């Protein structure tokens, strides 16, 4: 509800009208910055549900920019539980759809032997910092090592297979080339 059309009325009067509507309809309204607009909490929740049902994450930055600080906190406390996970970084929240996809990618990475944060971030359309937080919880760091830049995690099983392949090479020159390639890959 945009109050610019009613700017000729005293702001206190507008606030009382909104409060009256809120009380009589049992609807919660969130106030915009400078009290120039009011937003229905229920409508915002529906928008978030719709977005969360089809995306891996949602960014609440636009709401943070539009709402007052107290009302943004009220929105955060009333976020729909069925669609969002507790994982977030800043204003970006992981959805249940996103969590399922991340878990599937973790299982796939165990089969191929490694996972790449930049590749997963791009594939799942998630910020890298959010992905790091999630992976920290779901991957046992003792099961492998990161490359020098901490962007690719190699499982020990994968590394052991690579080392066995290199050890099986009879030609010392080819063996040294493969060792150097592996070292370069791990050192980014």
Foldseek 3Di string as FASTA:
>chain_A
DFCPVVVVDDLVVVVVVVVVCCVVVVWDWFAWPVRRDIHTLVVVLVVVQVDLVPAQKDFCVVVVNTTDPVSVVVSVVPHDPQFFDPQDDDRITGTPVNLVVLVVVVVVCVVVFKDFLVVCCVVRVHDSVSSVVSCVVVDDCVQFDAAQVNGMTGGVVRVVVLVVVLVPDPDPVVSVVSVVVVNVVRND
